[in-house]
Amino acid sequence: MGRIIQVPFRAIVAAATGVRVQDDRQIKGTITMVKIHWPPGCNSLVLVALGKGRTQFCPDGSGTFLALDAVTETIEFNEPITPSEQLWFEVRNTDAINPHTISALVKVVEEE
């Protein structure tokens, strides 16, 4: 088993806007877990997706987003990643009034 890398993401998203944050590390290994936190008040109005390179892998590869409230969701994966595929975190705030801060943590087991 290789070294475990934890890639944190955090986005402060203004009302009715979106943001995409990218991590520029070059990692070769396997994404094994994603943990996403929606604080209270998101009311399923804050949509989240994660990907690598040009491919979305969370919640799946279909272009869908997760939207929850007052929860930390942990999802297990077995998703390979190569150095040419930088991790990204996309957040869309459909709340027309309030900004929201969303965080995610991606766990990767690096190849030796």
C-alpha atoms as a PDB file:
ATOM      1  CA  MET A   1       0.000   0.000   0.000  1.00  0.00           C
ATOM      2  CA  GLY A   2       1.301   3.419  -0.959  1.00  0.00           C
ATOM      3  CA  ARG A   3       1.355   6.715   0.836  1.00  0.00           C
ATOM      4  CA  ILE A   4      -2.042   8.270   1.638  1.00  0.00           C
ATOM      5  CA  ILE A   5      -2.574  11.780   0.288  1.00  0.00           C
ATOM      6  CA  GLN A   6      -5.427  13.955   1.520  1.00  0.00           C
ATOM      7  CA  VAL A   7      -6.468  16.735  -0.846  1.00  0.00           C
ATOM      8  CA  PRO A   8      -8.655  19.355   0.877  1.00  0.00           C
ATOM      9  CA  PHE A   9     -11.014  21.697  -0.972  1.00  0.00           C
ATOM     10  CA  ARG A  10     -12.985  24.665   0.388  1.00  0.00           C
ATOM     11  CA  ALA A  11     -15.163  27.073  -1.539  1.00  0.00           C
ATOM     12  CA  ILE A  12     -16.942  30.212  -0.368  1.00  0.00           C
ATOM     13  CA  VAL A  13     -19.669  30.698  -2.957  1.00  0.00           C
ATOM     14  CA  ALA A  14     -21.690  33.895  -3.251  1.00  0.00           C
ATOM     15  CA  ALA A  15     -25.452  33.746  -3.773  1.00  0.00           C
ATOM     16  CA  ALA A  16     -26.531  32.573  -7.240  1.00  0.00           C
ATOM     17  CA  THR A  17     -22.973  31.868  -8.418  1.00  0.00           C
ATOM     18  CA  GLY A  18     -20.627  28.956  -8.889  1.00  0.00           C
ATOM     19  CA  VAL A  19     -16.945  28.211  -8.573  1.00  0.00           C
ATOM     20  CA  ARG A  20     -14.521  25.512  -9.658  1.00  0.00           C
ATOM     21  CA  VAL A  21     -11.374  24.962  -7.613  1.00  0.00           C
ATOM     22  CA  GLN A  22      -8.488  22.860  -8.956  1.00  0.00           C
ATOM     23  CA  ASP A  23      -5.598  21.204  -7.134  1.00  0.00           C
ATOM     24  CA  ASP A  24      -2.470  21.221  -9.284  1.00  0.00           C
ATOM     25  CA  ARG A  25      -0.644  18.327  -7.647  1.00  0.00           C
ATOM     26  CA  GLN A  26       0.476  15.560  -9.973  1.00  0.00           C
ATOM     27  CA  ILE A  27      -0.695  12.349  -8.338  1.00  0.00           C
ATOM     28  CA  LYS A  28      -0.562   8.777  -9.559  1.00  0.00           C
ATOM     29  CA  GLY A  29      -2.697   6.376  -7.575  1.00  0.00           C
ATOM     30  CA  THR A  30      -6.271   5.552  -6.636  1.00  0.00           C
ATOM     31  CA  ILE A  31      -8.966   7.843  -5.233  1.00  0.00           C
ATOM     32  CA  THR A  32     -10.465   5.798  -2.404  1.00  0.00           C
ATOM     33  CA  MET A  33     -12.757   8.235  -0.609  1.00  0.00           C
ATOM     34  CA  VAL A  34     -14.453  11.617  -0.856  1.00  0.00           C
ATOM     35  CA  LYS A  35     -15.916  13.403   2.163  1.00  0.00           C
ATOM     36  CA  ILE A  36     -18.146  16.457   1.481  1.00  0.00           C
ATOM     37  CA  HIS A  37     -19.572  18.771   4.150  1.00  0.00           C
ATOM     38  CA  TRP A  38     -22.728  20.864   3.717  1.00  0.00           C
ATOM     39  CA  PRO A  39     -23.324  23.089   6.760  1.00  0.00           C
ATOM     40  CA  PRO A  40     -26.829  23.793   8.085  1.00  0.00           C
ATOM     41  CA  GLY A  41     -28.749  26.234   5.914  1.00  0.00           C
ATOM     42  CA  CYS A  42     -27.706  24.868   2.527  1.00  0.00           C
ATOM     43  CA  ASN A  43     -31.237  23.444   2.178  1.00  0.00           C
ATOM     44  CA  SER A  44     -30.204  21.323  -0.824  1.00  0.00           C
ATOM     45  CA  LEU A  45     -29.519  24.531  -2.774  1.00  0.00           C
ATOM     46  CA  VAL A  46     -25.741  24.047  -2.985  1.00  0.00           C
ATOM     47  CA  LEU A  47     -24.702  21.545  -5.663  1.00  0.00           C
ATOM     48  CA  VAL A  48     -21.343  19.763  -5.558  1.00  0.00           C
ATOM     49  CA  ALA A  49     -19.354  17.615  -7.995  1.00  0.00           C
ATOM     50  CA  LEU A  50     -15.744  16.428  -8.060  1.00  0.00           C
ATOM     51  CA  GLY A  51     -13.609  15.303 -10.939  1.00  0.00           C
ATOM     52  CA  LYS A  52     -10.159  14.707 -12.351  1.00  0.00           C
ATOM     53  CA  GLY A  53      -8.901  16.153 -15.611  1.00  0.00           C
ATOM     54  CA  ARG A  54     -11.915  16.346 -17.925  1.00  0.00           C
ATOM     55  CA  THR A  55     -13.854  13.603 -16.114  1.00  0.00           C
ATOM     56  CA  GLN A  56     -16.355  13.970 -13.295  1.00  0.00           C
ATOM     57  CA  PHE A  57     -16.302  10.983 -10.928  1.00  0.00           C
ATOM     58  CA  CYS A  58     -18.416  12.177  -7.991  1.00  0.00           C
ATOM     59  CA  PRO A  59     -21.252  11.576  -7.523  1.00  0.00           C
ATOM     60  CA  ASP A  60     -20.837   9.659 -10.808  1.00  0.00           C
ATOM     61  CA  GLY A  61     -19.769  10.332 -14.376  1.00  0.00           C
ATOM     62  CA  SER A  62     -23.173  11.462 -15.634  1.00  0.00           C
ATOM     63  CA  GLY A  63     -22.798  15.183 -14.916  1.00  0.00           C
ATOM     64  CA  THR A  64     -25.122  15.108 -11.906  1.00  0.00           C
ATOM     65  CA  PHE A  65     -24.469  17.000  -8.672  1.00  0.00           C
ATOM     66  CA  LEU A  66     -25.075  16.257  -4.989  1.00  0.00           C
ATOM     67  CA  ALA A  67     -27.136  18.751  -2.952  1.00  0.00           C
ATOM     68  CA  LEU A  68     -27.737  18.137   0.759  1.00  0.00           C
ATOM     69  CA  ASP A  69     -28.146  20.054   4.033  1.00  0.00           C
ATOM     70  CA  ALA A  70     -26.443  19.841   7.435  1.00  0.00           C
ATOM     71  CA  VAL A  71     -24.528  16.653   6.682  1.00  0.00           C
ATOM     72  CA  THR A  72     -21.062  15.283   6.028  1.00  0.00           C
ATOM     73  CA  GLU A  73     -21.320  12.634   3.324  1.00  0.00           C
ATOM     74  CA  THR A  74     -18.576  10.023   2.867  1.00  0.00           C
ATOM     75  CA  ILE A  75     -18.422   8.150  -0.437  1.00  0.00           C
ATOM     76  CA  GLU A  76     -15.976   5.354  -1.225  1.00  0.00           C
ATOM     77  CA  PHE A  77     -14.343   5.047  -4.641  1.00  0.00           C
ATOM     78  CA  ASN A  78     -11.874   2.914  -6.547  1.00  0.00           C
ATOM     79  CA  GLU A  79     -11.001   5.571  -9.139  1.00  0.00           C
ATOM     80  CA  PRO A  80      -7.529   5.667 -10.718  1.00  0.00           C
ATOM     81  CA  ILE A  81      -5.824   9.035 -11.172  1.00  0.00           C
ATOM     82  CA  THR A  82      -2.745   9.879 -13.256  1.00  0.00           C
ATOM     83  CA  PRO A  83      -0.347  12.843 -12.995  1.00  0.00           C
ATOM     84  CA  SER A  84      -1.998  14.493 -16.022  1.00  0.00           C
ATOM     85  CA  GLU A  85      -5.412  14.557 -14.287  1.00  0.00           C
ATOM     86  CA  GLN A  86      -5.651  17.340 -11.706  1.00  0.00           C
ATOM     87  CA  LEU A  87      -8.421  17.035  -9.118  1.00  0.00           C
ATOM     88  CA  TRP A  88     -11.216  19.638  -9.144  1.00  0.00           C
ATOM     89  CA  PHE A  89     -14.153  20.611  -6.951  1.00  0.00           C
ATOM     90  CA  GLU A  90     -17.177  22.393  -8.455  1.00  0.00           C
ATOM     91  CA  VAL A  91     -19.821  24.124  -6.364  1.00  0.00           C
ATOM     92  CA  ARG A  92     -22.984  25.794  -7.664  1.00  0.00           C
ATOM     93  CA  ASN A  93     -24.965  27.915  -5.221  1.00  0.00           C
ATOM     94  CA  THR A  94     -28.566  28.126  -6.409  1.00  0.00           C
ATOM     95  CA  ASP A  95     -29.589  30.026  -3.259  1.00  0.00           C
ATOM     96  CA  ALA A  96     -30.493  33.490  -4.580  1.00  0.00           C
ATOM     97  CA  ILE A  97     -29.953  35.181  -1.202  1.00  0.00           C
ATOM     98  CA  ASN A  98     -27.231  33.527   0.901  1.00  0.00           C
ATOM     99  CA  PRO A  99     -23.565  32.706   0.339  1.00  0.00           C
ATOM    100  CA  HIS A 100     -22.387  29.257   1.485  1.00  0.00           C
ATOM    101  CA  THR A 101     -19.052  27.656   2.380  1.00  0.00           C
ATOM    102  CA  ILE A 102     -18.638  24.036   1.315  1.00  0.00           C
ATOM    103  CA  SER A 103     -15.668  21.750   1.906  1.00  0.00           C
ATOM    104  CA  ALA A 104     -14.501  18.410   0.613  1.00  0.00           C
ATOM    105  CA  LEU A 105     -11.637  16.051   1.287  1.00  0.00           C
ATOM    106  CA  VAL A 106     -10.352  13.598  -1.313  1.00  0.00           C
ATOM    107  CA  LYS A 107      -8.291  10.633  -0.119  1.00  0.00           C
ATOM    108  CA  VAL A 108      -5.828   9.139  -2.613  1.00  0.00           C
ATOM    109  CA  VAL A 109      -3.577   6.115  -2.154  1.00  0.00           C
ATOM    110  CA  GLU A 110      -0.457   6.954  -4.137  1.00  0.00           C
ATOM    111  CA  GLU A 111       1.240   4.263  -6.227  1.00  0.00           C
ATOM    112  CA  GLU A 112       4.716   3.328  -5.115  1.00  0.00           C
END
